[in-house]
Amino acid sequence: MSHCKFLNIFFLFIVVSFFSFCTKIKSTDIGADLIPQIDNINTFDTSFEVVANNSISPDSLLPSLSRDQVGDVGQFMLGYVSHNPQFGTTKASIFLELKPTAYPYKFENVPDSLYLDSVVLCLKYRFSFGDTNALQSVTVQKITEMLKPDSAYQTNKVVAYSQVIGTKQFLPASLNDSLITTRERTSNQLRIRLNDDFGNELLKIDTVGLSPYKNDSLFRNYFKGFAIVPETGGSGSAANGLMSFSISDTATYLRFYYRYTKNGRQDTSAKNFKFNSYGALSASVNHIERNYSGSEMTQHLGVKPGGDSLVYIQAAPGTYSLLRIPGLNEFKSRKGNVMIHLAQLSMDEVQTPGSQSNIFYAPLYMYPEIFDTTLNSFYPFFDDAFVNGNYDNTAFGGFRKFNLDNTKLVAHYDMNVTRHVQSIITRNSPNMPIKLSAPKTVRYNDLYITFSQNSLATGNVVLGGGNHSSKKMKLRVVYSKL
């Protein structure tokens, strides 16, 4: 063996040996970061109690439903939840305008020879939250106030309406069915046949002079839109779920099926009024009413000095929890300047007497943000949650996972706040409270930051608080002395 080859082999042996005997590393539960092995000599592992208190979101924190860059208003919820022992009842109504896309508008230029077959309100169905085999009952009525198509209305906006023009009873499970006729083939729609009188009223409006079909302003004054409202009594009292519908989808429309006679010949036709995302914009509101009376959650509201053993999180518009970690202050004064390898906020679902997680599942995303008590405002975990200026939940965490608990799957969430805790220890950043919620959209107007999280009103979960007997919410910290 040559001297050069021997030196190369010896050098390779030294390198391999060096890395083999160095402190071992292991991956975390979030992202791809690596932390040293905990040996309690150089690297230590400790946990801090989280003091958590429950609150109902005030009006100022309710979602505002606005258009995106292409004018899409997204998905709205409809339905009635009559029995959720943990969180009470929910009533979700949809208000929207469906109208011509351009003016002046006409069906056929023979208003005296138009014959209505039927008029059907169709909504594009996406998914359900709750019991899909519990009967839902809805009415369609006329909106009686003028809504603004360029306004972002909060989910507590009350809309005036009257005069029933259609009703429908259905099982949410049936909305996945397809409809095949000689005229069309559709699927995933809620279809509500409206009164013929209403259909004829819109079908036979004269198209000359000051007809409502001359321009958008005249039409909106004549007909202000549809109120689709769930029944909470009678046949609707057993309903127990919410359904999501895409309002701007091309499969959401008001469809007229009609015949007309022209030049002595009768023909059939169908035309749609649509939700307009551009041009003559359509207005919309999704009113969501939560009622917590008699629910488990009402027993866990209010500030408790030691925090609550249970944390009730309902997707927006819903509830949130304010978290405090006072032990960090003592840790800082006792340990001094240390290197934080991992600070992970973790929480687990707890089964309570009213749990129905098989139908009322946990939110897909949990989102923590810092509550600045001096400015009474919220701001994000910049250092931990953003990569190259963009929110990254792969690195930050907060997305739902599942653990097995006595043969039952329960939700689990982890969030990486390592750099934030390091700044408290070494840069004297204040140890502010943390707001924990399941928002639809996160928006910081002053920072020009907006990103989506959960679907509207979809998901609820009860988590163990910091003083829960077996499933404590905790902040785990792995650190080394400097």
Protein backbone atom coordinates (compact mmCIF):
# COMPACT_ATOMS: atom_id res chain seq x y z
CA MET A 1 0.00 0.00 0.00
CA SER A 2 1.42 3.39 -0.94
CA HIS A 3 2.14 6.01 1.70
CA CYS A 4 -0.38 8.42 0.08
CA LYS A 5 -3.17 5.84 0.06
CA PHE A 6 -2.48 5.00 3.70
CA LEU A 7 -2.78 8.67 4.70
CA ASN A 8 -6.09 8.99 2.87
CA ILE A 9 -7.56 5.97 4.68
CA PHE A 10 -6.26 7.22 8.02
CA PHE A 11 -7.79 10.64 7.44
CA LEU A 12 -11.17 9.11 6.54
CA PHE A 13 -11.07 7.02 9.75
CA ILE A 14 -10.40 10.13 11.85
CA VAL A 15 -13.33 12.02 10.25
CA VAL A 16 -15.79 9.13 10.72
CA SER A 17 -14.65 8.63 14.31
CA PHE A 18 -15.06 12.31 15.08
CA PHE A 19 -18.69 12.40 13.96
CA SER A 20 -19.45 9.07 15.58
CA PHE A 21 -18.34 10.20 19.01
CA CYS A 22 -19.80 13.71 18.83
CA THR A 23 -23.06 14.47 20.64
CA LYS A 24 -25.89 12.71 18.84
CA ILE A 25 -28.71 14.73 17.30
CA LYS A 26 -32.33 13.97 16.75
CA SER A 27 -35.19 15.55 14.81
CA THR A 28 -38.08 17.47 16.33
CA ASP A 29 -41.79 16.93 15.75
CA ILE A 30 -41.99 20.10 13.67
CA GLY A 31 -40.16 20.79 10.46
CA ALA A 32 -36.68 19.39 9.86
CA ASP A 33 -34.72 21.10 12.64
CA LEU A 34 -32.24 19.07 14.67
CA ILE A 35 -31.55 19.30 18.38
CA PRO A 36 -28.71 17.80 20.46
CA GLN A 37 -29.25 14.67 22.50
CA ILE A 38 -30.39 15.49 26.02
CA ASP A 39 -27.68 14.29 28.41
CA ASN A 40 -28.43 16.50 31.46
CA ILE A 41 -24.78 17.50 31.47
CA ASN A 42 -24.54 19.89 28.57
CA THR A 43 -28.07 19.79 27.18
CA PHE A 44 -31.23 19.80 29.27
CA ASP A 45 -34.96 19.25 28.75
CA THR A 46 -37.60 21.01 30.83
CA SER A 47 -41.30 21.90 30.57
CA PHE A 48 -43.28 24.95 31.64
CA GLU A 49 -46.87 25.09 32.78
CA VAL A 50 -49.24 27.03 30.54
CA VAL A 51 -51.89 29.12 32.27
CA ALA A 52 -54.89 29.14 29.92
CA ASN A 53 -58.22 30.98 30.14
CA ASN A 54 -61.19 30.78 27.75
CA SER A 55 -62.99 33.64 26.01
CA ILE A 56 -65.65 34.18 23.35
CA SER A 57 -64.42 36.24 20.40
CA PRO A 58 -65.76 39.82 20.61
CA ASP A 59 -67.33 41.55 17.63
CA SER A 60 -64.01 43.23 16.80
CA LEU A 61 -62.36 39.84 16.17
CA LEU A 62 -65.11 38.29 14.03
CA PRO A 63 -64.22 37.37 10.43
CA SER A 64 -64.90 39.90 7.68
CA LEU A 65 -65.72 38.15 4.43
CA SER A 66 -64.21 40.00 1.50
CA ARG A 67 -63.27 39.26 -2.10
CA ASP A 68 -59.92 37.94 -3.21
CA GLN A 69 -57.84 39.31 -6.09
CA VAL A 70 -60.21 37.85 -8.72
CA GLY A 71 -63.41 38.84 -6.91
CA ASP A 72 -64.17 35.42 -5.38
CA VAL A 73 -65.91 35.61 -1.99
CA GLY A 74 -65.07 32.00 -1.16
CA GLN A 75 -67.14 29.48 0.75
CA PHE A 76 -70.14 30.31 2.96
CA MET A 77 -71.76 28.13 5.61
CA LEU A 78 -75.46 27.23 5.80
CA GLY A 79 -77.34 25.11 8.32
CA TYR A 80 -78.33 24.60 11.92
CA VAL A 81 -76.45 22.80 14.69
CA SER A 82 -79.05 21.93 17.31
CA HIS A 83 -77.03 19.74 19.63
CA ASN A 84 -73.35 20.20 20.29
CA PRO A 85 -73.02 19.65 24.06
CA GLN A 86 -69.54 21.18 24.17
CA PHE A 87 -70.27 24.38 22.23
CA GLY A 88 -74.05 24.85 22.03
CA THR A 89 -75.98 25.76 18.87
CA THR A 90 -75.07 27.45 15.60
CA LYS A 91 -77.31 28.99 12.94
CA ALA A 92 -75.74 29.94 9.61
CA SER A 93 -77.63 31.85 6.91
CA ILE A 94 -76.56 32.95 3.43
CA PHE A 95 -77.61 36.22 1.79
CA LEU A 96 -76.62 36.85 -1.81
CA GLU A 97 -77.51 38.51 -5.07
CA LEU A 98 -77.88 36.41 -8.22
CA LYS A 99 -78.54 38.58 -11.26
CA PRO A 100 -77.78 39.21 -14.92
CA THR A 101 -74.15 39.55 -15.88
CA ALA A 102 -74.79 42.42 -18.31
CA TYR A 103 -77.49 44.98 -19.14
CA PRO A 104 -79.86 45.62 -20.80
CA TYR A 105 -80.97 42.02 -20.30
CA LYS A 106 -83.67 39.95 -21.94
CA PHE A 107 -84.81 36.33 -22.00
CA GLU A 108 -86.40 36.47 -25.43
CA ASN A 109 -87.86 39.58 -26.96
CA VAL A 110 -91.39 38.17 -26.70
CA PRO A 111 -92.46 38.76 -23.06
CA ASP A 112 -96.10 37.95 -23.79
CA SER A 113 -95.12 34.53 -25.17
CA LEU A 114 -92.86 33.30 -22.34
CA TYR A 115 -94.02 30.27 -20.32
CA LEU A 116 -92.23 29.25 -17.14
CA ASP A 117 -91.58 25.58 -16.47
CA SER A 118 -89.68 26.10 -13.20
CA VAL A 119 -87.16 28.33 -11.47
CA VAL A 120 -84.46 26.74 -9.28
CA LEU A 121 -81.93 28.24 -6.88
CA CYS A 122 -78.68 26.20 -7.03
CA LEU A 123 -75.70 26.38 -4.66
CA LYS A 124 -72.41 24.57 -5.29
CA TYR A 125 -71.82 22.19 -2.37
CA ARG A 126 -68.34 21.51 -0.96
CA PHE A 127 -68.47 19.68 2.39
CA SER A 128 -70.34 19.29 5.68
CA PHE A 129 -69.40 19.71 9.31
CA GLY A 130 -71.61 17.75 11.70
CA ASP A 131 -74.22 15.06 11.25
CA THR A 132 -74.88 14.57 7.53
CA ASN A 133 -77.81 12.22 8.25
CA ALA A 134 -79.80 14.73 10.30
CA LEU A 135 -82.58 16.45 8.32
CA GLN A 136 -82.02 20.10 7.42
CA SER A 137 -84.85 22.45 6.51
CA VAL A 138 -84.31 25.85 4.85
CA THR A 139 -86.46 28.63 3.48
CA VAL A 140 -85.66 31.08 0.69
CA GLN A 141 -86.95 34.60 1.19
CA LYS A 142 -86.45 38.02 -0.39
CA ILE A 143 -83.85 40.40 1.05
CA THR A 144 -85.52 43.73 1.87
CA GLU A 145 -82.46 45.95 2.38
CA MET A 146 -79.80 47.09 -0.05
CA LEU A 147 -76.46 45.35 0.48
CA LYS A 148 -73.20 46.81 -0.80
CA PRO A 149 -71.35 44.52 -3.22
CA ASP A 150 -67.98 46.14 -2.52
CA SER A 151 -68.22 45.85 1.29
CA ALA A 152 -66.64 43.22 3.55
CA TYR A 153 -69.35 42.28 6.06
CA GLN A 154 -68.58 40.61 9.36
CA THR A 155 -70.32 37.35 10.23
CA ASN A 156 -72.57 39.13 12.76
CA LYS A 157 -74.16 41.34 10.08
CA VAL A 158 -77.96 41.19 10.44
CA VAL A 159 -79.86 41.33 7.14
CA ALA A 160 -83.56 42.16 6.78
CA TYR A 161 -85.73 39.78 4.75
CA SER A 162 -89.36 38.63 4.30
CA GLN A 163 -91.77 36.72 2.01
CA VAL A 164 -91.03 33.02 1.59
CA ILE A 165 -90.53 32.08 -2.06
CA GLY A 166 -89.21 28.54 -1.60
CA THR A 167 -88.52 25.77 0.92
CA LYS A 168 -86.40 22.63 0.99
CA GLN A 169 -85.89 19.67 3.33
CA PHE A 170 -82.88 17.45 2.71
CA LEU A 171 -80.11 15.34 4.22
CA PRO A 172 -76.64 16.86 3.80
CA ALA A 173 -75.39 13.41 2.77
CA SER A 174 -77.58 13.64 -0.34
CA LEU A 175 -75.76 16.71 -1.65
CA ASN A 176 -73.05 14.48 -3.11
CA ASP A 177 -75.61 12.94 -5.49
CA SER A 178 -75.68 13.62 -9.22
CA LEU A 179 -78.67 14.86 -11.21
CA ILE A 180 -79.02 13.63 -14.78
CA THR A 181 -81.91 14.84 -16.96
CA THR A 182 -82.53 15.35 -20.65
CA ARG A 183 -81.52 18.99 -20.17
CA GLU A 184 -78.45 18.79 -17.98
CA ARG A 185 -76.11 16.80 -15.77
CA THR A 186 -75.06 18.25 -12.41
CA SER A 187 -73.58 17.08 -9.13
CA ASN A 188 -72.77 18.43 -5.68
CA GLN A 189 -75.53 21.02 -5.63
CA LEU A 190 -78.24 22.11 -3.26
CA ARG A 191 -81.22 22.74 -5.57
CA ILE A 192 -84.26 24.60 -4.22
CA ARG A 193 -87.29 25.01 -6.46
CA LEU A 194 -88.84 28.46 -5.99
CA ASN A 195 -92.44 29.55 -6.37
CA ASP A 196 -93.72 29.84 -9.93
CA ASP A 197 -95.22 33.25 -9.13
CA PHE A 198 -91.74 34.53 -8.29
CA GLY A 199 -90.30 32.97 -11.44
CA ASN A 200 -92.98 34.48 -13.66
CA GLU A 201 -92.46 37.86 -12.03
CA LEU A 202 -88.81 37.94 -13.13
CA LEU A 203 -89.40 36.19 -16.44
CA LYS A 204 -91.98 38.57 -17.85
CA ILE A 205 -90.68 42.00 -16.84
CA ASP A 206 -90.88 44.31 -19.85
CA THR A 207 -87.47 45.06 -21.37
CA VAL A 208 -88.22 48.59 -22.56
CA GLY A 209 -88.50 51.94 -20.83
CA LEU A 210 -87.57 51.87 -17.15
CA SER A 211 -87.58 48.10 -16.92
CA PRO A 212 -85.50 46.64 -14.04
CA TYR A 213 -83.50 44.88 -16.74
CA LYS A 214 -82.29 48.15 -18.25
CA ASN A 215 -79.33 48.55 -15.85
CA ASP A 216 -77.89 47.16 -12.63
CA SER A 217 -79.14 49.96 -10.39
CA LEU A 218 -82.74 49.47 -11.50
CA PHE A 219 -82.54 45.71 -11.09
CA ARG A 220 -81.00 45.93 -7.60
CA ASN A 221 -83.73 48.34 -6.51
CA TYR A 222 -86.35 45.95 -7.85
CA PHE A 223 -84.91 42.75 -6.40
CA LYS A 224 -82.31 42.87 -3.63
CA GLY A 225 -81.37 39.21 -3.43
CA PHE A 226 -82.03 35.92 -1.66
CA ALA A 227 -82.06 35.07 2.04
CA ILE A 228 -81.41 31.35 2.57
CA VAL A 229 -82.22 30.67 6.21
CA PRO A 230 -82.26 27.38 8.15
CA GLU A 231 -85.35 26.46 10.13
CA THR A 232 -84.63 25.93 13.84
CA GLY A 233 -88.07 24.61 14.79
CA GLY A 234 -90.44 22.00 13.44
CA SER A 235 -88.81 19.83 10.79
CA GLY A 236 -85.53 21.72 11.19
CA SER A 237 -85.19 21.22 14.94
CA ALA A 238 -83.24 17.97 14.58
CA ALA A 239 -80.67 19.42 12.17
CA ASN A 240 -77.16 19.10 13.50
CA GLY A 241 -74.61 20.35 11.04
CA LEU A 242 -73.32 23.04 8.71
CA MET A 243 -72.73 22.82 4.97
CA SER A 244 -70.20 24.75 2.92
CA PHE A 245 -71.14 26.27 -0.44
CA SER A 246 -68.96 28.05 -3.01
CA ILE A 247 -70.77 31.29 -3.70
CA SER A 248 -68.66 32.46 -6.65
CA ASP A 249 -68.60 29.05 -8.34
CA THR A 250 -70.13 28.75 -11.80
CA ALA A 251 -72.46 26.04 -10.41
CA THR A 252 -74.08 28.59 -8.06
CA TYR A 253 -76.91 30.31 -9.95
CA LEU A 254 -80.63 30.98 -10.30
CA ARG A 255 -81.85 28.95 -13.29
CA PHE A 256 -85.01 29.65 -15.29
CA TYR A 257 -86.45 26.77 -17.31
CA TYR A 258 -88.98 28.16 -19.78
CA ARG A 259 -90.66 27.92 -23.19
CA TYR A 260 -91.36 30.67 -25.68
CA THR A 261 -93.29 31.10 -28.88
CA LYS A 262 -91.81 32.99 -31.75
CA ASN A 263 -92.97 33.04 -35.37
CA GLY A 264 -95.59 30.43 -34.48
CA ARG A 265 -93.04 27.94 -33.16
CA GLN A 266 -92.50 26.93 -29.52
CA ASP A 267 -89.04 26.25 -28.19
CA THR A 268 -87.46 25.49 -24.77
CA SER A 269 -84.62 27.34 -23.11
CA ALA A 270 -82.82 27.88 -19.82
CA LYS A 271 -80.98 30.93 -18.56
CA ASN A 272 -79.05 31.74 -15.41
CA PHE A 273 -78.66 34.64 -13.05
CA LYS A 274 -75.21 34.43 -11.47
CA PHE A 275 -73.12 35.72 -8.61
CA ASN A 276 -71.02 38.33 -10.36
CA SER A 277 -67.38 38.56 -9.29
CA TYR A 278 -66.58 41.36 -11.71
CA GLY A 279 -68.52 43.97 -13.65
CA ALA A 280 -71.95 44.39 -12.04
CA LEU A 281 -70.76 42.98 -8.71
CA SER A 282 -73.07 40.89 -6.52
CA ALA A 283 -73.37 41.47 -2.77
CA SER A 284 -73.21 38.74 -0.14
CA VAL A 285 -73.33 38.14 3.60
CA ASN A 286 -72.78 34.99 5.66
CA HIS A 287 -74.48 35.47 9.02
CA ILE A 288 -73.31 33.00 11.67
CA GLU A 289 -74.97 33.02 15.08
CA ARG A 290 -73.39 31.10 17.98
CA ASN A 291 -75.38 30.37 21.14
CA TYR A 292 -73.44 28.84 24.02
CA SER A 293 -76.29 28.70 26.55
CA GLY A 294 -76.28 25.43 28.48
CA SER A 295 -73.08 24.16 26.84
CA GLU A 296 -70.02 22.79 28.62
CA MET A 297 -68.01 25.80 27.55
CA THR A 298 -70.00 28.25 29.68
CA GLN A 299 -68.63 26.51 32.76
CA HIS A 300 -65.08 27.36 31.67
CA LEU A 301 -65.36 31.06 30.84
CA GLY A 302 -63.72 33.84 32.77
CA VAL A 303 -60.24 34.45 34.12
CA LYS A 304 -58.97 31.98 36.67
CA PRO A 305 -55.63 32.91 38.32
CA GLY A 306 -54.25 29.40 37.91
CA GLY A 307 -55.82 28.89 34.52
CA ASP A 308 -58.43 26.37 33.42
CA SER A 309 -57.98 22.63 33.14
CA LEU A 310 -59.85 22.62 29.81
CA VAL A 311 -59.42 24.87 26.78
CA TYR A 312 -62.42 25.26 24.43
CA ILE A 313 -61.45 26.28 20.89
CA GLN A 314 -64.15 26.73 18.26
CA ALA A 315 -63.24 27.79 14.72
CA ALA A 316 -64.01 31.41 13.85
CA PRO A 317 -66.40 32.94 14.50
CA GLY A 318 -65.99 31.20 17.83
CA THR A 319 -63.76 31.12 20.87
CA TYR A 320 -60.13 31.56 21.81
CA SER A 321 -57.84 31.09 24.78
CA LEU A 322 -55.30 33.47 26.26
CA LEU A 323 -52.13 31.65 27.33
CA ARG A 324 -49.48 32.77 29.80
CA ILE A 325 -46.19 31.07 30.62
CA PRO A 326 -44.99 32.77 33.81
CA GLY A 327 -42.29 30.15 34.44
CA LEU A 328 -40.16 31.61 31.64
CA ASN A 329 -39.43 34.68 33.77
CA GLU A 330 -38.10 32.60 36.65
CA PHE A 331 -36.16 30.39 34.23
CA LYS A 332 -34.45 33.44 32.76
CA SER A 333 -33.41 34.86 36.13
CA ARG A 334 -32.23 31.48 37.44
CA LYS A 335 -30.44 30.10 34.38
CA GLY A 336 -29.14 33.28 32.83
CA ASN A 337 -28.07 33.29 29.21
CA VAL A 338 -28.65 29.85 27.65
CA MET A 339 -28.94 28.50 24.12
CA ILE A 340 -32.50 27.42 23.26
CA HIS A 341 -32.43 24.48 20.86
CA LEU A 342 -36.19 23.89 20.94
CA ALA A 343 -39.24 25.58 22.44
CA GLN A 344 -42.35 23.66 21.47
CA LEU A 345 -45.87 24.53 22.56
CA SER A 346 -47.89 21.29 22.67
CA MET A 347 -51.51 20.43 23.41
CA ASP A 348 -53.79 17.39 23.24
CA GLU A 349 -57.53 16.87 22.78
CA VAL A 350 -59.45 15.80 25.88
CA GLN A 351 -62.62 13.72 25.72
CA THR A 352 -65.38 15.31 27.81
CA PRO A 353 -68.93 14.01 28.49
CA GLY A 354 -70.22 15.97 25.48
CA SER A 355 -67.55 14.90 22.99
CA GLN A 356 -68.81 14.07 19.49
CA SER A 357 -65.50 14.17 17.65
CA ASN A 358 -66.80 11.68 15.09
CA ILE A 359 -69.02 14.41 13.62
CA PHE A 360 -67.71 17.66 15.16
CA TYR A 361 -64.05 17.21 14.30
CA ALA A 362 -61.10 19.30 15.48
CA PRO A 363 -59.93 22.33 13.46
CA LEU A 364 -57.32 21.65 10.81
CA TYR A 365 -55.11 24.48 12.07
CA MET A 366 -54.45 26.03 15.46
CA TYR A 367 -52.85 29.46 15.38
CA PRO A 368 -51.00 31.26 18.19
CA GLU A 369 -50.13 34.95 18.08
CA ILE A 370 -48.56 37.36 20.55
CA PHE A 371 -50.85 39.69 22.46
CA ASP A 372 -49.16 43.03 23.06
CA THR A 373 -50.78 44.16 26.32
CA THR A 374 -49.32 47.68 26.03
CA LEU A 375 -50.81 48.35 22.59
CA ASN A 376 -53.80 46.00 23.00
CA SER A 377 -53.03 44.42 19.63
CA PHE A 378 -51.81 41.14 18.16
CA TYR A 379 -48.74 40.35 16.09
CA PRO A 380 -47.26 37.13 14.69
CA PHE A 381 -44.28 35.03 15.72
CA PHE A 382 -42.10 36.58 13.00
CA ASP A 383 -38.88 34.68 13.70
CA ASP A 384 -40.50 31.26 14.00
CA ALA A 385 -43.50 31.39 11.66
CA PHE A 386 -42.12 33.18 8.60
CA VAL A 387 -39.55 32.00 6.07
CA ASN A 388 -38.37 34.57 3.51
CA GLY A 389 -41.28 36.79 4.47
CA ASN A 390 -43.96 34.11 3.95
CA TYR A 391 -45.92 32.24 6.60
CA ASP A 392 -44.71 28.63 6.78
CA ASN A 393 -46.80 26.28 8.90
CA THR A 394 -44.50 23.38 8.02
CA ALA A 395 -41.75 24.99 10.09
CA PHE A 396 -44.05 26.66 12.61
CA GLY A 397 -46.54 23.84 13.19
CA GLY A 398 -50.10 24.29 14.36
CA PHE A 399 -51.54 21.77 11.93
CA ARG A 400 -53.69 18.96 13.30
CA LYS A 401 -52.16 15.56 13.96
CA PHE A 402 -53.64 12.55 15.71
CA ASN A 403 -52.49 10.38 18.60
CA LEU A 404 -53.98 7.09 19.74
CA ASP A 405 -55.58 7.31 23.18
CA ASN A 406 -57.12 4.04 24.42
CA THR A 407 -58.02 2.94 20.87
CA LYS A 408 -59.46 6.38 20.06
CA LEU A 409 -57.77 8.94 17.83
CA VAL A 410 -57.47 12.37 19.45
CA ALA A 411 -56.17 15.62 17.97
CA HIS A 412 -52.71 16.89 18.83
CA TYR A 413 -51.01 20.20 17.97
CA ASP A 414 -47.37 21.37 18.20
CA MET A 415 -46.06 24.87 17.56
CA ASN A 416 -42.42 25.89 17.27
CA VAL A 417 -41.65 29.11 19.20
CA THR A 418 -37.90 28.53 19.66
CA ARG A 419 -36.60 31.86 18.41
CA HIS A 420 -39.30 33.73 20.30
CA VAL A 421 -38.26 32.11 23.60
CA GLN A 422 -34.59 32.74 22.78
CA SER A 423 -35.36 36.44 22.36
CA ILE A 424 -37.03 36.50 25.79
CA ILE A 425 -33.94 34.90 27.36
CA THR A 426 -31.15 36.77 25.57
CA ARG A 427 -32.67 39.95 24.13
CA ASN A 428 -34.97 40.82 27.03
CA SER A 429 -38.10 40.69 24.88
CA PRO A 430 -41.22 40.87 27.07
CA ASN A 431 -42.95 37.60 27.95
CA MET A 432 -46.32 38.54 26.47
CA PRO A 433 -49.52 36.46 26.62
CA ILE A 434 -50.36 34.29 23.60
CA LYS A 435 -53.75 34.20 21.94
CA LEU A 436 -54.64 30.68 20.73
CA SER A 437 -57.45 30.34 18.19
CA ALA A 438 -58.61 28.56 15.03
CA PRO A 439 -59.08 31.50 12.63
CA LYS A 440 -60.42 31.45 9.09
CA THR A 441 -58.04 34.12 7.89
CA VAL A 442 -55.12 35.75 9.67
CA ARG A 443 -54.80 39.42 8.79
CA TYR A 444 -52.40 42.10 10.02
CA ASN A 445 -53.42 45.20 8.11
CA ASP A 446 -50.56 47.38 9.34
CA LEU A 447 -48.03 44.73 8.28
CA TYR A 448 -49.73 43.92 4.95
CA ILE A 449 -49.87 40.25 5.94
CA THR A 450 -52.84 37.99 5.14
CA PHE A 451 -53.05 34.21 4.90
CA SER A 452 -55.74 31.53 5.21
CA GLN A 453 -56.11 28.88 7.89
CA ASN A 454 -59.39 27.04 8.55
CA SER A 455 -62.64 26.95 6.61
CA LEU A 456 -65.25 29.24 8.10
CA ALA A 457 -66.95 27.86 11.25
CA THR A 458 -65.42 24.42 10.65
CA GLY A 459 -63.97 22.58 13.63
CA ASN A 460 -64.06 22.60 17.41
CA VAL A 461 -61.95 20.90 20.04
CA VAL A 462 -61.46 20.72 23.80
CA LEU A 463 -57.80 20.70 24.79
CA GLY A 464 -56.13 19.96 28.07
CA GLY A 465 -55.14 23.12 29.94
CA GLY A 466 -51.92 23.67 31.84
CA ASN A 467 -53.30 22.12 35.02
CA HIS A 468 -55.16 19.19 33.45
CA SER A 469 -54.57 15.98 35.39
CA SER A 470 -53.24 13.90 32.48
CA LYS A 471 -53.08 16.00 29.30
CA LYS A 472 -51.35 19.20 30.30
CA MET A 473 -50.79 21.93 27.77
CA LYS A 474 -47.08 22.63 28.03
CA LEU A 475 -44.10 24.46 26.65
CA ARG A 476 -41.20 22.05 26.24
CA VAL A 477 -37.75 23.65 26.15
CA VAL A 478 -34.45 21.99 25.23
CA TYR A 479 -31.44 24.17 26.08
CA SER A 480 -27.71 24.20 26.68
CA LYS A 481 -25.63 26.30 29.05
CA LEU A 482 -23.32 28.86 27.47
